[in-house]
């Protein structure tokens, strides 16, 4: 597993967990307000993980892959939630 994927996986797993928890616990009418909080948490978690590494080579690429993956997961969750909620 490359360093890029190894540092992205914890963030992606956290995004999936947050989406599932939000989908189960937050009413459908308020779910859209949770998306920015999940995205912001993913960005902060990405920054913390990347800065904590000793190697700074490829920092921008690792952050780009991680954040892009998180936003793709949020987009998929948004479409699924919109379909389930009947929007």
C-alpha atoms as a PDB file:
ATOM      1  CA  UNK A   1       0.000   0.000   0.000  1.00  0.00           C
ATOM      2  CA  UNK A   2       1.418   3.352  -0.966  1.00  0.00           C
ATOM      3  CA  UNK A   3       1.840   6.170   1.514  1.00  0.00           C
ATOM      4  CA  UNK A   4      -0.835   8.186  -0.310  1.00  0.00           C
ATOM      5  CA  UNK A   5      -3.492   5.521   0.151  1.00  0.00           C
ATOM      6  CA  UNK A   6      -2.301   4.640   3.643  1.00  0.00           C
ATOM      7  CA  UNK A   7      -2.769   8.222   4.806  1.00  0.00           C
ATOM      8  CA  UNK A   8      -6.074   8.656   2.964  1.00  0.00           C
ATOM      9  CA  UNK A   9      -7.819   5.539   4.286  1.00  0.00           C
ATOM     10  CA  UNK A  10      -8.313   6.768   7.885  1.00  0.00           C
ATOM     11  CA  UNK A  11      -9.957   9.939   6.608  1.00  0.00           C
ATOM     12  CA  UNK A  12     -12.185   8.058   4.179  1.00  0.00           C
ATOM     13  CA  UNK A  13     -13.233   5.587   6.881  1.00  0.00           C
ATOM     14  CA  UNK A  14     -14.021   8.481   9.224  1.00  0.00           C
ATOM     15  CA  UNK A  15     -16.124  10.164   6.516  1.00  0.00           C
ATOM     16  CA  UNK A  16     -18.064   6.950   5.879  1.00  0.00           C
ATOM     17  CA  UNK A  17     -18.643   6.484   9.613  1.00  0.00           C
ATOM     18  CA  UNK A  18     -19.773  10.100  10.033  1.00  0.00           C
ATOM     19  CA  UNK A  19     -22.148   9.824   7.072  1.00  0.00           C
ATOM     20  CA  UNK A  20     -23.687   6.619   8.418  1.00  0.00           C
ATOM     21  CA  UNK A  21     -24.078   8.072  11.916  1.00  0.00           C
ATOM     22  CA  UNK A  22     -25.554  11.299  10.534  1.00  0.00           C
ATOM     23  CA  UNK A  23     -27.880   9.361   8.254  1.00  0.00           C
ATOM     24  CA  UNK A  24     -29.194   7.321  11.160  1.00  0.00           C
ATOM     25  CA  UNK A  25     -29.389  10.000  13.839  1.00  0.00           C
ATOM     26  CA  UNK A  26     -30.146  13.294  12.093  1.00  0.00           C
ATOM     27  CA  UNK A  27     -33.609  13.975  10.644  1.00  0.00           C
ATOM     28  CA  UNK A  28     -33.729  14.116   6.848  1.00  0.00           C
ATOM     29  CA  UNK A  29     -34.682  17.793   6.857  1.00  0.00           C
ATOM     30  CA  UNK A  30     -31.526  18.732   8.783  1.00  0.00           C
ATOM     31  CA  UNK A  31     -29.097  16.340   7.119  1.00  0.00           C
ATOM     32  CA  UNK A  32     -27.877  18.922   4.619  1.00  0.00           C
ATOM     33  CA  UNK A  33     -26.603  21.086   7.492  1.00  0.00           C
ATOM     34  CA  UNK A  34     -24.361  18.221   8.647  1.00  0.00           C
ATOM     35  CA  UNK A  35     -22.482  17.904   5.345  1.00  0.00           C
ATOM     36  CA  UNK A  36     -20.240  20.964   5.851  1.00  0.00           C
ATOM     37  CA  UNK A  37     -19.304  19.746   9.334  1.00  0.00           C
ATOM     38  CA  UNK A  38     -18.310  16.337   7.978  1.00  0.00           C
ATOM     39  CA  UNK A  39     -16.329  17.936   5.144  1.00  0.00           C
ATOM     40  CA  UNK A  40     -14.600  20.310   7.553  1.00  0.00           C
ATOM     41  CA  UNK A  41     -13.723  17.476   9.897  1.00  0.00           C
ATOM     42  CA  UNK A  42     -12.259  15.532   6.972  1.00  0.00           C
ATOM     43  CA  UNK A  43     -10.115  18.507   5.969  1.00  0.00           C
ATOM     44  CA  UNK A  44      -8.823  19.014   9.514  1.00  0.00           C
ATOM     45  CA  UNK A  45      -8.124  15.296   9.937  1.00  0.00           C
ATOM     46  CA  UNK A  46      -6.281  15.279   6.594  1.00  0.00           C
ATOM     47  CA  UNK A  47      -4.125  18.200   7.632  1.00  0.00           C
ATOM     48  CA  UNK A  48      -3.273  16.651  11.011  1.00  0.00           C
ATOM     49  CA  UNK A  49      -2.335  13.300   9.481  1.00  0.00           C
ATOM     50  CA  UNK A  50      -0.223  14.819   6.721  1.00  0.00           C
ATOM     51  CA  UNK A  51       1.616  17.279   8.954  1.00  0.00           C
ATOM     52  CA  UNK A  52       2.379  14.570  11.514  1.00  0.00           C
ATOM     53  CA  UNK A  53       4.353  12.552   8.942  1.00  0.00           C
ATOM     54  CA  UNK A  54       8.111  12.946   8.925  1.00  0.00           C
ATOM     55  CA  UNK A  55       8.301  13.050   5.119  1.00  0.00           C
ATOM     56  CA  UNK A  56       7.042  16.235   3.523  1.00  0.00           C
ATOM     57  CA  UNK A  57       7.703  15.030  -0.032  1.00  0.00           C
ATOM     58  CA  UNK A  58       4.413  14.649  -1.875  1.00  0.00           C
ATOM     59  CA  UNK A  59       2.401  16.493   0.770  1.00  0.00           C
ATOM     60  CA  UNK A  60       0.209  18.311  -1.730  1.00  0.00           C
ATOM     61  CA  UNK A  61      -0.535  15.143  -3.715  1.00  0.00           C
ATOM     62  CA  UNK A  62      -1.424  13.161  -0.583  1.00  0.00           C
ATOM     63  CA  UNK A  63      -3.710  15.936   0.633  1.00  0.00           C
ATOM     64  CA  UNK A  64      -5.299  16.251  -2.810  1.00  0.00           C
ATOM     65  CA  UNK A  65      -6.060  12.528  -3.012  1.00  0.00           C
ATOM     66  CA  UNK A  66      -7.416  12.413   0.531  1.00  0.00           C
ATOM     67  CA  UNK A  67      -9.681  15.465   0.253  1.00  0.00           C
ATOM     68  CA  UNK A  68     -10.900  14.526  -3.235  1.00  0.00           C
ATOM     69  CA  UNK A  69     -11.835  11.053  -2.011  1.00  0.00           C
ATOM     70  CA  UNK A  70     -13.663  12.510   0.976  1.00  0.00           C
ATOM     71  CA  UNK A  71     -15.678  14.864  -1.213  1.00  0.00           C
ATOM     72  CA  UNK A  72     -16.527  12.052  -3.641  1.00  0.00           C
ATOM     73  CA  UNK A  73     -17.802   9.993  -0.706  1.00  0.00           C
ATOM     74  CA  UNK A  74     -19.859  12.974   0.494  1.00  0.00           C
ATOM     75  CA  UNK A  75     -21.276  13.485  -3.007  1.00  0.00           C
ATOM     76  CA  UNK A  76     -22.341   9.839  -3.190  1.00  0.00           C
ATOM     77  CA  UNK A  77     -23.887  10.070   0.271  1.00  0.00           C
ATOM     78  CA  UNK A  78     -25.725  13.252  -0.751  1.00  0.00           C
ATOM     79  CA  UNK A  79     -27.236  11.603  -3.821  1.00  0.00           C
ATOM     80  CA  UNK A  80     -28.296   8.542  -1.826  1.00  0.00           C
ATOM     81  CA  UNK A  81     -29.802  10.695   0.912  1.00  0.00           C
ATOM     82  CA  UNK A  82     -31.636  12.850  -1.619  1.00  0.00           C
ATOM     83  CA  UNK A  83     -33.106   9.751  -3.237  1.00  0.00           C
ATOM     84  CA  UNK A  84     -34.136   8.252   0.090  1.00  0.00           C
ATOM     85  CA  UNK A  85     -35.613  11.538   1.344  1.00  0.00           C
ATOM     86  CA  UNK A  86     -37.519  12.037  -1.895  1.00  0.00           C
ATOM     87  CA  UNK A  87     -35.991  15.302  -3.041  1.00  0.00           C
END
